């Protein structure tokens, strides 16, 4: 009887400790950061979650690049701190972040890889509802095959239309649609030369990678991946120079990607913005953006069909 009592006492301690760990810490969750760097507001993303009973870990996406792991988010009273190694940033020093809870948000400072310190604020990432019953709107031709009508033309534009093909022959500026969309299906037909790299940004925030990765193992940073966040279940890329297709459905955070007729991502949640996002206002509609600051790419079809709850 004594041993049975000791066993149940031990079990209660384990269960209560486990439940306490599952209750979480106020820092836990996904946060949309705005970093004030040299007069520019840079959208970034932070995820914090617990590992075991006492340790906080996470992931961070800067204004460019992919999500990178945070080995530990350290707590010193009301202050928390983490650092991450440089990815595409200049310099060799780690990026250092310090912050605290302020009301329902966070605020703090970032020491960049060049040693300069910048302020940042953050709000909790919104829940974006998913729905099964869908009402389909009228299909919109974002590219009309004739000109750049419907797209924002900015200084340094290298995009042009030649023989019905939307082309970017060299690295230049990104191309952003004038119209914004919330939930939708989009169909694109594209091709690229050997070794090239581009991307299709959904709502201007989530990049579906377009790149010459034929024959490689699937990865979130390769063809068809949600850059740095979601791996496709296979690499469906064709060889460079061939016309290829994406059929992508985005409802709330849930995305399905069909590449060249194969479903490579099926109803997975995009947890945060990818590098290069235009903003972090995830609850709002956003434009379609084509990455033009990397490599050459061509499109012959870009059709989008808005979706609403049925």
Protein backbone atom coordinates (compact mmCIF):
# COMPACT_ATOMS: atom_id res chain seq x y z
CA UNK A 1 0.00 0.00 0.00
CA UNK A 2 2.89 2.32 0.87
CA UNK A 3 4.54 1.79 -2.52
CA UNK A 4 1.26 2.29 -4.33
CA UNK A 5 0.81 5.62 -2.53
CA UNK A 6 4.33 6.70 -3.44
CA UNK A 7 3.77 5.71 -7.07
CA UNK A 8 0.55 7.75 -7.36
CA UNK A 9 2.18 10.70 -5.60
CA UNK A 10 5.04 10.59 -8.11
CA UNK A 11 2.56 10.31 -10.98
CA UNK A 12 0.65 13.39 -9.76
CA UNK A 13 3.88 15.38 -9.56
CA UNK A 14 4.84 14.39 -13.11
CA UNK A 15 1.37 15.22 -14.47
CA UNK A 16 1.16 18.56 -12.68
CA UNK A 17 4.64 19.54 -13.87
CA UNK A 18 3.75 18.52 -17.40
CA UNK A 19 0.53 20.53 -17.31
CA UNK A 20 2.39 23.55 -16.01
CA UNK A 21 4.80 23.29 -18.93
CA UNK A 22 1.93 23.04 -21.39
CA UNK A 23 0.31 26.20 -20.03
CA UNK A 24 3.10 28.08 -21.73
CA UNK A 25 4.82 31.38 -21.16
CA UNK A 26 3.40 34.80 -22.14
CA UNK A 27 6.18 35.09 -24.71
CA UNK A 28 5.09 31.94 -26.51
CA UNK A 29 3.40 32.30 -29.86
CA UNK A 30 4.04 33.90 -33.23
CA UNK A 31 4.90 37.59 -33.40
CA UNK A 32 5.03 40.01 -36.32
CA UNK A 33 7.95 42.38 -35.83
CA UNK A 34 8.49 45.80 -37.35
CA UNK A 35 12.14 46.85 -37.22
CA UNK A 36 12.96 50.54 -37.61
CA UNK A 37 16.22 50.39 -39.55
CA UNK A 38 17.68 53.53 -41.15
CA UNK A 39 14.23 55.08 -41.51
CA UNK A 40 12.71 51.97 -43.10
CA UNK A 41 10.13 49.74 -41.45
CA UNK A 42 11.27 46.16 -42.05
CA UNK A 43 8.67 43.40 -41.55
CA UNK A 44 10.05 40.36 -39.72
CA UNK A 45 8.68 37.33 -37.88
CA UNK A 46 9.38 35.61 -34.56
CA UNK A 47 8.11 32.32 -33.18
CA UNK A 48 8.69 31.34 -29.54
CA UNK A 49 7.70 27.99 -28.02
CA UNK A 50 8.73 25.86 -25.07
CA UNK A 51 11.03 22.86 -25.13
CA UNK A 52 10.63 20.75 -22.00
CA UNK A 53 9.75 22.47 -18.73
CA UNK A 54 11.95 25.56 -18.62
CA UNK A 55 13.54 26.26 -21.99
CA UNK A 56 12.16 28.56 -24.68
CA UNK A 57 13.29 28.09 -28.27
CA UNK A 58 12.09 29.54 -31.56
CA UNK A 59 12.54 30.67 -35.14
CA UNK A 60 13.15 34.06 -36.67
CA UNK A 61 12.78 35.51 -40.17
CA UNK A 62 14.49 38.80 -40.93
CA UNK A 63 13.43 41.18 -43.71
CA UNK A 64 15.12 38.84 -46.18
CA UNK A 65 16.32 35.25 -46.15
CA UNK A 66 14.66 32.20 -44.63
CA UNK A 67 13.44 31.28 -41.15
CA UNK A 68 16.37 30.31 -38.97
CA UNK A 69 16.32 28.46 -35.63
CA UNK A 70 16.82 30.09 -32.24
CA UNK A 71 18.64 27.68 -29.93
CA UNK A 72 17.35 29.39 -26.78
CA UNK A 73 15.34 32.44 -25.83
CA UNK A 74 16.86 33.44 -22.49
CA UNK A 75 14.85 35.21 -19.77
CA UNK A 76 16.23 37.71 -17.24
CA UNK A 77 13.28 38.89 -15.16
CA UNK A 78 11.03 40.85 -17.53
CA UNK A 79 13.69 40.92 -20.26
CA UNK A 80 14.27 38.22 -22.87
CA UNK A 81 17.24 37.82 -25.17
CA UNK A 82 18.28 35.71 -28.15
CA UNK A 83 20.85 35.81 -30.90
CA UNK A 84 21.16 34.26 -34.33
CA UNK A 85 24.08 33.95 -36.74
CA UNK A 86 24.10 36.00 -39.95
CA UNK A 87 22.55 34.47 -43.04
CA UNK A 88 22.60 36.92 -45.96
CA UNK A 89 23.33 39.97 -43.83
CA UNK A 90 26.70 41.72 -44.28
CA UNK A 91 29.31 41.09 -41.61
CA UNK A 92 30.15 38.10 -39.43
CA UNK A 93 28.68 39.10 -36.06
CA UNK A 94 25.52 37.55 -34.67
CA UNK A 95 22.28 39.53 -34.64
CA UNK A 96 21.32 40.17 -31.01
CA UNK A 97 17.76 40.80 -29.86
CA UNK A 98 16.56 42.07 -26.50
CA UNK A 99 12.93 42.73 -25.66
CA UNK A 100 10.11 42.70 -23.14
CA UNK A 101 6.35 42.36 -22.96
CA UNK A 102 4.54 45.70 -23.16
CA UNK A 103 0.78 45.35 -22.90
CA UNK A 104 -0.32 42.87 -25.55
CA UNK A 105 2.85 43.33 -27.62
CA UNK A 106 6.61 43.29 -27.47
CA UNK A 107 9.23 45.96 -27.91
CA UNK A 108 12.98 45.98 -27.83
CA UNK A 109 16.25 46.51 -29.67
CA UNK A 110 18.28 44.65 -32.26
CA UNK A 111 22.05 44.86 -32.61
CA UNK A 112 22.64 44.26 -36.32
CA UNK A 113 25.64 42.47 -37.81
CA UNK A 114 27.35 45.85 -38.36
CA UNK A 115 27.12 46.69 -34.67
CA UNK A 116 24.37 49.31 -35.03
CA UNK A 117 21.37 49.18 -32.72
CA UNK A 118 17.79 49.53 -33.96
CA UNK A 119 14.42 49.57 -32.22
CA UNK A 120 11.59 47.16 -32.98
CA UNK A 121 8.02 46.47 -31.91
CA UNK A 122 5.86 43.39 -32.32
CA UNK A 123 2.23 42.29 -32.22
CA UNK A 124 0.79 38.79 -32.00
CA UNK A 125 0.27 37.22 -35.42
CA UNK A 126 -3.46 37.07 -36.21
CA UNK A 127 -5.51 33.93 -36.60
CA UNK A 128 -6.61 33.65 -40.22
CA UNK A 129 -9.78 31.55 -40.54
CA UNK A 130 -10.04 28.59 -42.88
CA UNK A 131 -13.34 27.43 -44.35
CA UNK A 132 -14.36 24.31 -46.26
CA UNK A 133 -17.31 25.70 -48.21
CA UNK A 134 -15.98 28.06 -50.84
CA UNK A 135 -17.68 30.60 -53.07
CA UNK A 136 -15.72 31.18 -56.27
CA UNK A 137 -15.44 34.67 -57.73
CA UNK A 138 -14.75 35.77 -61.29
CA UNK A 139 -11.36 34.84 -62.70
CA UNK A 140 -9.03 37.80 -63.22
CA UNK A 141 -6.21 37.88 -65.77
CA UNK A 142 -3.43 39.59 -63.86
CA UNK A 143 -1.28 39.44 -66.99
CA UNK A 144 -3.17 40.40 -70.15
CA UNK A 145 -0.47 39.26 -72.59
CA UNK A 146 -0.08 42.76 -74.03
CA UNK A 147 1.38 45.19 -71.50
CA UNK A 148 2.02 45.85 -67.81
CA UNK A 149 -1.44 47.21 -67.05
CA UNK A 150 -2.48 46.21 -63.55
CA UNK A 151 1.08 46.21 -62.21
CA UNK A 152 2.97 48.94 -60.35
CA UNK A 153 5.83 50.35 -62.40
CA UNK A 154 8.66 51.71 -60.27
CA UNK A 155 12.03 53.28 -60.96
CA UNK A 156 14.51 50.77 -62.34
CA UNK A 157 11.80 48.59 -63.86
CA UNK A 158 13.22 45.90 -66.14
CA UNK A 159 9.96 44.00 -66.77
CA UNK A 160 8.62 44.03 -70.33
CA UNK A 161 6.18 42.19 -72.57
CA UNK A 162 7.58 40.56 -75.72
CA UNK A 163 5.41 38.45 -78.04
CA UNK A 164 2.86 37.85 -75.30
CA UNK A 165 5.46 36.89 -72.69
CA UNK A 166 6.12 38.82 -69.46
CA UNK A 167 9.89 38.91 -69.13
CA UNK A 168 12.59 39.95 -66.69
CA UNK A 169 15.91 39.35 -68.44
CA UNK A 170 18.12 40.51 -65.60
CA UNK A 171 18.11 41.28 -61.90
CA UNK A 172 16.15 44.43 -61.16
CA UNK A 173 13.00 45.27 -59.22
CA UNK A 174 10.11 43.14 -58.06
CA UNK A 175 6.76 43.38 -59.83
CA UNK A 176 3.71 44.05 -57.64
CA UNK A 177 0.06 43.87 -58.68
CA UNK A 178 -2.11 46.93 -58.16
CA UNK A 179 -5.04 44.84 -56.94
CA UNK A 180 -4.97 43.07 -53.58
CA UNK A 181 -6.43 39.69 -52.68
CA UNK A 182 -7.33 37.79 -49.50
CA UNK A 183 -8.21 34.18 -50.32
CA UNK A 184 -7.78 32.88 -53.85
CA UNK A 185 -6.67 30.34 -56.39
CA UNK A 186 -3.86 31.40 -58.71
CA UNK A 187 -2.61 29.73 -61.87
CA UNK A 188 0.76 30.71 -63.33
CA UNK A 189 2.79 29.41 -66.25
CA UNK A 190 6.48 30.28 -66.16
CA UNK A 191 9.96 29.30 -67.24
CA UNK A 192 13.50 30.30 -66.38
CA UNK A 193 17.00 29.80 -67.76
CA UNK A 194 19.56 27.48 -66.22
CA UNK A 195 20.65 28.49 -62.73
CA UNK A 196 18.00 31.19 -62.30
CA UNK A 197 15.97 32.05 -59.21
CA UNK A 198 12.69 33.90 -58.66
CA UNK A 199 9.58 33.60 -56.53
CA UNK A 200 5.85 34.22 -56.38
CA UNK A 201 4.66 36.08 -53.26
CA UNK A 202 1.12 35.35 -52.11
CA UNK A 203 -0.51 38.46 -50.56
CA UNK A 204 2.95 39.97 -50.96
CA UNK A 205 4.03 38.04 -47.83
CA UNK A 206 4.55 34.34 -48.52
CA UNK A 207 7.05 33.31 -51.18
CA UNK A 208 6.55 30.18 -53.25
CA UNK A 209 10.03 29.48 -54.55
CA UNK A 210 10.69 29.44 -58.31
CA UNK A 211 14.20 28.22 -59.03
CA UNK A 212 16.29 25.88 -61.16
CA UNK A 213 16.47 22.97 -58.72
CA UNK A 214 15.75 20.08 -61.09
CA UNK A 215 16.71 16.70 -59.65
CA UNK A 216 17.51 17.92 -56.14
CA UNK A 217 15.94 16.66 -52.91
CA UNK A 218 12.81 18.64 -51.94
CA UNK A 219 13.41 21.58 -49.63
CA UNK A 220 11.57 24.67 -48.45
CA UNK A 221 14.22 26.81 -50.16
CA UNK A 222 13.93 24.95 -53.47
CA UNK A 223 11.31 24.75 -56.22
CA UNK A 224 7.75 24.71 -54.88
CA UNK A 225 8.62 25.33 -51.24
CA UNK A 226 7.14 28.06 -49.05
CA UNK A 227 10.51 29.68 -48.63
CA UNK A 228 12.18 28.58 -45.42
CA UNK A 229 8.92 27.38 -43.84
CA UNK A 230 7.26 24.47 -45.68
CA UNK A 231 8.99 21.65 -47.57
CA UNK A 232 7.19 20.23 -50.62
CA UNK A 233 6.69 16.47 -50.43
CA UNK A 234 8.57 16.05 -53.70
CA UNK A 235 10.57 18.12 -56.14
CA UNK A 236 8.33 18.42 -59.19
CA UNK A 237 10.58 20.84 -61.09
CA UNK A 238 11.16 20.34 -64.79
CA UNK A 239 14.41 21.19 -66.52
CA UNK A 240 15.34 24.82 -67.05
CA UNK A 241 13.89 26.28 -70.25
CA UNK A 242 10.66 24.28 -70.08
CA UNK A 243 7.29 25.87 -69.38
CA UNK A 244 6.03 24.93 -65.91
CA UNK A 245 2.87 25.54 -63.89
CA UNK A 246 1.79 26.34 -60.36
CA UNK A 247 -1.82 26.05 -59.22
CA UNK A 248 -1.96 27.47 -55.71
CA UNK A 249 -4.90 27.79 -53.33
CA UNK A 250 -4.61 30.02 -50.25
CA UNK A 251 -7.43 30.22 -47.69
CA UNK A 252 -6.52 31.82 -44.37
CA UNK A 253 -3.10 30.37 -43.63
CA UNK A 254 -3.77 27.08 -45.36
CA UNK A 255 -1.99 26.61 -48.67
CA UNK A 256 -2.06 23.91 -51.35
CA UNK A 257 0.53 23.95 -54.12
CA UNK A 258 0.15 21.87 -57.30
CA UNK A 259 3.31 22.03 -59.40
CA UNK A 260 3.29 20.65 -62.93
CA UNK A 261 0.17 18.64 -62.07
CA UNK A 262 1.52 17.16 -58.82
CA UNK A 263 0.25 18.14 -55.38
CA UNK A 264 3.46 18.93 -53.51
CA UNK A 265 1.99 20.84 -50.54
CA UNK A 266 -1.47 19.84 -49.38
CA UNK A 267 -3.38 22.11 -47.01
CA UNK A 268 -0.50 23.13 -44.75
CA UNK A 269 -0.49 26.27 -42.62
CA UNK A 270 1.90 29.10 -43.43
CA UNK A 271 2.86 30.22 -39.92
CA UNK A 272 4.50 33.53 -40.79
CA UNK A 273 5.91 35.83 -43.42
CA UNK A 274 8.85 34.71 -45.51
CA UNK A 275 11.86 36.93 -46.16
CA UNK A 276 11.19 39.77 -48.58
CA UNK A 277 7.58 40.33 -47.49
CA UNK A 278 6.12 43.72 -48.36
CA UNK A 279 4.51 44.11 -44.93
CA UNK A 280 3.37 42.14 -41.88
CA UNK A 281 -0.31 43.08 -41.93
CA UNK A 282 -1.39 39.49 -42.27
CA UNK A 283 -5.07 40.09 -41.50
CA UNK A 284 -5.36 42.28 -44.59
CA UNK A 285 -5.54 41.47 -48.29
CA UNK A 286 -2.29 41.80 -50.19
CA UNK A 287 -0.97 41.93 -53.76
CA UNK A 288 0.72 39.31 -55.87
CA UNK A 289 4.44 40.01 -56.14
CA UNK A 290 6.91 38.43 -58.55
CA UNK A 291 10.53 38.43 -57.46
CA UNK A 292 12.64 40.24 -60.01
CA UNK A 293 15.71 41.12 -57.96
CA UNK A 294 17.35 37.70 -58.36
CA UNK A 295 17.45 35.96 -61.75
CA UNK A 296 15.74 35.99 -65.12
CA UNK A 297 12.21 34.61 -65.40
CA UNK A 298 9.28 34.62 -67.85
CA UNK A 299 5.50 34.25 -67.45
CA UNK A 300 2.89 33.62 -70.12
CA UNK A 301 -0.16 33.22 -67.85
CA UNK A 302 -1.08 34.69 -64.45
CA UNK A 303 -4.75 34.12 -63.59
CA UNK A 304 -6.28 34.56 -60.14
CA UNK A 305 -9.74 33.60 -58.86
CA UNK A 306 -10.88 35.23 -55.59
CA UNK A 307 -12.47 32.93 -52.98
CA UNK A 308 -14.89 33.74 -50.17
CA UNK A 309 -16.71 31.70 -47.56
CA UNK A 310 -19.66 29.90 -49.13
